[in-house]
């Protein structure tokens, strides 16, 4: 199953992002970002299903929560960055 990882600036941002999405009825889960996409230091991401991303981005825009980066899973388990 394909899903997106919304990379956040901090754990607090990830928690706020997930809470805003859950309030809007979008299933979201906070997790540590995989090392391959974390960059420098540790980061946290919010996982959403592929079909939920357009709605999730609208919810985040209304809540003034901007994602740092967004990645989609590839078939081989790797991640590809999605341009916003």
N, C-alpha and C. Protein backbone atom coordinates (compact mmCIF):
# COMPACT_ATOMS: atom_id res chain seq x y z
N UNK A 1 0.84 -1.18 0.00
CA UNK A 1 0.00 0.00 0.00
C UNK A 1 0.88 1.25 0.00
N UNK A 2 0.59 2.16 -0.87
CA UNK A 2 1.35 3.40 -0.95
C UNK A 2 0.84 4.38 0.10
N UNK A 3 1.76 5.12 0.66
CA UNK A 3 1.41 6.14 1.63
C UNK A 3 2.40 7.28 1.52
N UNK A 4 2.04 8.40 2.14
CA UNK A 4 2.89 9.58 2.16
C UNK A 4 3.40 9.82 3.57
N UNK A 5 4.61 10.36 3.65
CA UNK A 5 5.17 10.82 4.91
C UNK A 5 5.31 12.33 4.83
N UNK A 6 4.63 13.02 5.73
CA UNK A 6 4.73 14.47 5.83
C UNK A 6 5.78 14.75 6.89
N UNK A 7 6.94 15.23 6.47
CA UNK A 7 8.05 15.48 7.40
C UNK A 7 7.82 16.82 8.09
N UNK A 8 7.92 16.80 9.41
CA UNK A 8 7.67 18.00 10.21
C UNK A 8 8.97 18.52 10.83
N UNK A 9 8.93 19.75 11.27
CA UNK A 9 10.12 20.40 11.83
C UNK A 9 10.48 19.89 13.22
N UNK A 10 9.49 19.36 13.95
CA UNK A 10 9.74 18.90 15.32
C UNK A 10 8.67 17.88 15.70
N UNK A 11 8.87 17.23 16.82
CA UNK A 11 7.86 16.30 17.32
C UNK A 11 6.56 17.04 17.61
N UNK A 12 6.68 18.22 18.18
CA UNK A 12 5.48 19.01 18.49
C UNK A 12 4.70 19.35 17.22
N UNK A 13 5.40 19.75 16.16
CA UNK A 13 4.74 20.04 14.89
C UNK A 13 4.06 18.78 14.34
N UNK A 14 4.73 17.65 14.46
CA UNK A 14 4.14 16.39 13.98
C UNK A 14 2.88 16.06 14.76
N UNK A 15 2.91 16.27 16.07
CA UNK A 15 1.73 16.00 16.89
C UNK A 15 0.59 16.95 16.54
N UNK A 16 0.91 18.21 16.32
CA UNK A 16 -0.12 19.18 15.92
C UNK A 16 -0.70 18.83 14.55
N UNK A 17 0.19 18.43 13.63
CA UNK A 17 -0.25 18.05 12.29
C UNK A 17 -1.20 16.85 12.36
N UNK A 18 -0.80 15.82 13.08
CA UNK A 18 -1.64 14.62 13.20
C UNK A 18 -2.98 14.95 13.86
N UNK A 19 -2.95 15.79 14.89
CA UNK A 19 -4.19 16.15 15.58
C UNK A 19 -5.14 16.91 14.65
N UNK A 20 -4.61 17.84 13.86
CA UNK A 20 -5.45 18.59 12.91
C UNK A 20 -6.07 17.65 11.88
N UNK A 21 -5.28 16.71 11.39
CA UNK A 21 -5.79 15.76 10.40
C UNK A 21 -6.84 14.85 11.02
N UNK A 22 -6.59 14.36 12.21
CA UNK A 22 -7.56 13.47 12.88
C UNK A 22 -8.88 14.21 13.13
N UNK A 23 -8.81 15.49 13.53
CA UNK A 23 -10.04 16.27 13.73
C UNK A 23 -10.84 16.40 12.45
N UNK A 24 -10.14 16.38 11.30
CA UNK A 24 -10.81 16.48 10.00
C UNK A 24 -11.24 15.11 9.47
N UNK A 25 -10.99 14.06 10.25
CA UNK A 25 -11.41 12.72 9.84
C UNK A 25 -10.40 11.98 8.98
N UNK A 26 -9.17 12.46 8.96
CA UNK A 26 -8.11 11.82 8.17
C UNK A 26 -7.22 11.04 9.13
N UNK A 27 -7.07 9.75 8.88
CA UNK A 27 -6.22 8.92 9.72
C UNK A 27 -4.77 9.34 9.54
N UNK A 28 -4.10 9.63 10.66
CA UNK A 28 -2.71 10.09 10.62
C UNK A 28 -1.97 9.47 11.80
N UNK A 29 -0.70 9.12 11.55
CA UNK A 29 0.11 8.50 12.60
C UNK A 29 1.47 9.17 12.65
N UNK A 30 1.90 9.56 13.84
CA UNK A 30 3.22 10.17 14.03
C UNK A 30 4.25 9.07 14.16
N UNK A 31 5.38 9.23 13.47
CA UNK A 31 6.48 8.27 13.58
C UNK A 31 7.80 8.97 13.33
N UNK A 32 8.87 8.33 13.76
CA UNK A 32 10.21 8.88 13.46
C UNK A 32 10.46 8.70 11.98
N UNK A 33 11.04 9.71 11.38
CA UNK A 33 11.33 9.63 9.95
C UNK A 33 12.42 8.59 9.70
N UNK A 34 12.30 7.82 8.62
CA UNK A 34 13.37 6.89 8.27
C UNK A 34 14.68 7.64 8.06
N UNK A 35 15.79 7.00 8.38
CA UNK A 35 17.10 7.65 8.25
C UNK A 35 17.36 8.16 6.85
N UNK A 36 16.83 7.45 5.84
CA UNK A 36 17.09 7.85 4.45
C UNK A 36 16.48 9.19 4.09
N UNK A 37 15.49 9.66 4.85
CA UNK A 37 14.86 10.95 4.53
C UNK A 37 15.03 11.97 5.65
N UNK A 38 15.56 11.57 6.78
CA UNK A 38 15.64 12.46 7.95
C UNK A 38 16.61 13.61 7.74
N UNK A 39 17.63 13.43 6.92
CA UNK A 39 18.61 14.49 6.75
C UNK A 39 19.45 14.62 7.99
N UNK A 40 19.79 15.84 8.35
CA UNK A 40 20.60 16.05 9.54
C UNK A 40 19.73 15.95 10.78
N UNK A 41 20.23 15.27 11.78
CA UNK A 41 19.49 15.13 13.04
C UNK A 41 18.30 14.21 12.90
N UNK A 42 17.50 14.18 13.95
CA UNK A 42 16.31 13.33 13.91
C UNK A 42 15.12 14.19 13.48
N UNK A 43 14.14 13.54 12.94
CA UNK A 43 12.93 14.26 12.57
C UNK A 43 11.74 13.32 12.76
N UNK A 44 10.59 13.89 12.74
CA UNK A 44 9.36 13.13 12.87
C UNK A 44 8.47 13.41 11.67
N UNK A 45 7.67 12.41 11.32
CA UNK A 45 6.79 12.50 10.18
C UNK A 45 5.39 12.09 10.58
N UNK A 46 4.45 12.45 9.73
CA UNK A 46 3.07 12.02 9.88
C UNK A 46 2.74 11.19 8.65
N UNK A 47 2.27 9.98 8.88
CA UNK A 47 1.95 9.04 7.80
C UNK A 47 0.47 9.16 7.46
N UNK A 48 0.19 9.36 6.16
CA UNK A 48 -1.20 9.40 5.68
C UNK A 48 -1.31 8.54 4.43
N UNK A 49 -2.50 8.04 4.18
CA UNK A 49 -2.70 7.20 3.00
C UNK A 49 -2.59 8.02 1.72
N UNK A 50 -2.35 7.33 0.64
CA UNK A 50 -2.18 8.00 -0.64
C UNK A 50 -3.42 8.80 -1.03
N UNK A 51 -4.57 8.24 -0.80
CA UNK A 51 -5.81 8.92 -1.22
C UNK A 51 -6.14 10.12 -0.34
N UNK A 52 -5.53 10.21 0.85
CA UNK A 52 -5.84 11.30 1.78
C UNK A 52 -4.98 12.54 1.60
N UNK A 53 -3.92 12.47 0.83
CA UNK A 53 -2.98 13.60 0.76
C UNK A 53 -3.62 14.91 0.31
N UNK A 54 -4.41 14.95 -0.77
CA UNK A 54 -4.98 16.25 -1.18
C UNK A 54 -5.81 16.90 -0.07
N UNK A 55 -6.66 16.11 0.59
CA UNK A 55 -7.46 16.64 1.69
C UNK A 55 -6.57 17.06 2.85
N UNK A 56 -5.55 16.27 3.15
CA UNK A 56 -4.64 16.57 4.25
C UNK A 56 -3.94 17.91 4.01
N UNK A 57 -3.49 18.16 2.80
CA UNK A 57 -2.81 19.42 2.50
C UNK A 57 -3.74 20.61 2.66
N UNK A 58 -5.01 20.45 2.28
CA UNK A 58 -5.99 21.54 2.48
C UNK A 58 -6.21 21.81 3.96
N UNK A 59 -6.34 20.75 4.75
CA UNK A 59 -6.53 20.90 6.20
C UNK A 59 -5.33 21.60 6.82
N UNK A 60 -4.13 21.20 6.43
CA UNK A 60 -2.92 21.81 7.00
C UNK A 60 -2.79 23.27 6.60
N UNK A 61 -3.17 23.60 5.39
CA UNK A 61 -3.11 25.00 4.96
C UNK A 61 -4.06 25.86 5.80
N UNK A 62 -5.27 25.36 6.04
CA UNK A 62 -6.23 26.11 6.86
C UNK A 62 -5.76 26.24 8.30
N UNK A 63 -5.02 25.24 8.79
CA UNK A 63 -4.52 25.27 10.17
C UNK A 63 -3.18 25.98 10.30
N UNK A 64 -2.68 26.52 9.21
CA UNK A 64 -1.38 27.22 9.18
C UNK A 64 -0.24 26.31 9.64
N UNK A 65 -0.30 25.06 9.23
CA UNK A 65 0.76 24.09 9.51
C UNK A 65 1.39 23.69 8.18
N UNK A 66 2.61 24.14 7.94
CA UNK A 66 3.23 23.83 6.66
C UNK A 66 4.24 22.70 6.81
N UNK A 67 4.12 21.67 5.97
CA UNK A 67 5.07 20.56 6.03
C UNK A 67 6.45 20.99 5.57
N UNK A 68 7.48 20.38 6.15
CA UNK A 68 8.85 20.66 5.74
C UNK A 68 9.12 20.02 4.38
N UNK A 69 8.79 18.74 4.25
CA UNK A 69 8.93 17.99 3.00
C UNK A 69 7.88 16.88 3.00
N UNK A 70 7.60 16.33 1.82
CA UNK A 70 6.66 15.22 1.69
C UNK A 70 7.30 14.15 0.82
N UNK A 71 7.18 12.91 1.25
CA UNK A 71 7.73 11.77 0.52
C UNK A 71 6.63 10.74 0.27
N UNK A 72 6.74 10.03 -0.84
CA UNK A 72 5.87 8.90 -1.13
C UNK A 72 6.72 7.64 -1.13
N UNK A 73 6.12 6.55 -0.71
CA UNK A 73 6.85 5.29 -0.73
C UNK A 73 6.92 4.78 -2.16
N UNK A 74 8.03 4.20 -2.50
CA UNK A 74 8.18 3.55 -3.81
C UNK A 74 7.92 2.06 -3.62
N UNK A 75 7.72 1.35 -4.70
CA UNK A 75 7.43 -0.07 -4.64
C UNK A 75 8.51 -0.89 -3.96
N UNK A 76 9.75 -0.43 -4.01
CA UNK A 76 10.85 -1.18 -3.42
C UNK A 76 11.12 -0.79 -1.96
N UNK A 77 10.25 0.02 -1.38
CA UNK A 77 10.43 0.43 0.01
C UNK A 77 11.23 1.70 0.19
N UNK A 78 11.73 2.26 -0.90
CA UNK A 78 12.47 3.51 -0.81
C UNK A 78 11.46 4.68 -0.84
N UNK A 79 11.96 5.88 -0.70
CA UNK A 79 11.11 7.06 -0.65
C UNK A 79 11.52 8.05 -1.73
N UNK A 80 10.52 8.71 -2.32
CA UNK A 80 10.78 9.74 -3.31
C UNK A 80 10.12 11.03 -2.83
N UNK A 81 10.87 12.12 -2.89
CA UNK A 81 10.30 13.39 -2.46
C UNK A 81 9.27 13.89 -3.46
N UNK A 82 8.20 14.46 -2.94
CA UNK A 82 7.13 15.02 -3.77
C UNK A 82 7.28 16.53 -3.70
N UNK A 83 7.31 17.18 -4.84
CA UNK A 83 7.39 18.64 -4.88
C UNK A 83 6.04 19.23 -4.55
N UNK A 84 6.05 20.25 -3.69
CA UNK A 84 4.79 20.91 -3.31
C UNK A 84 4.45 22.00 -4.27
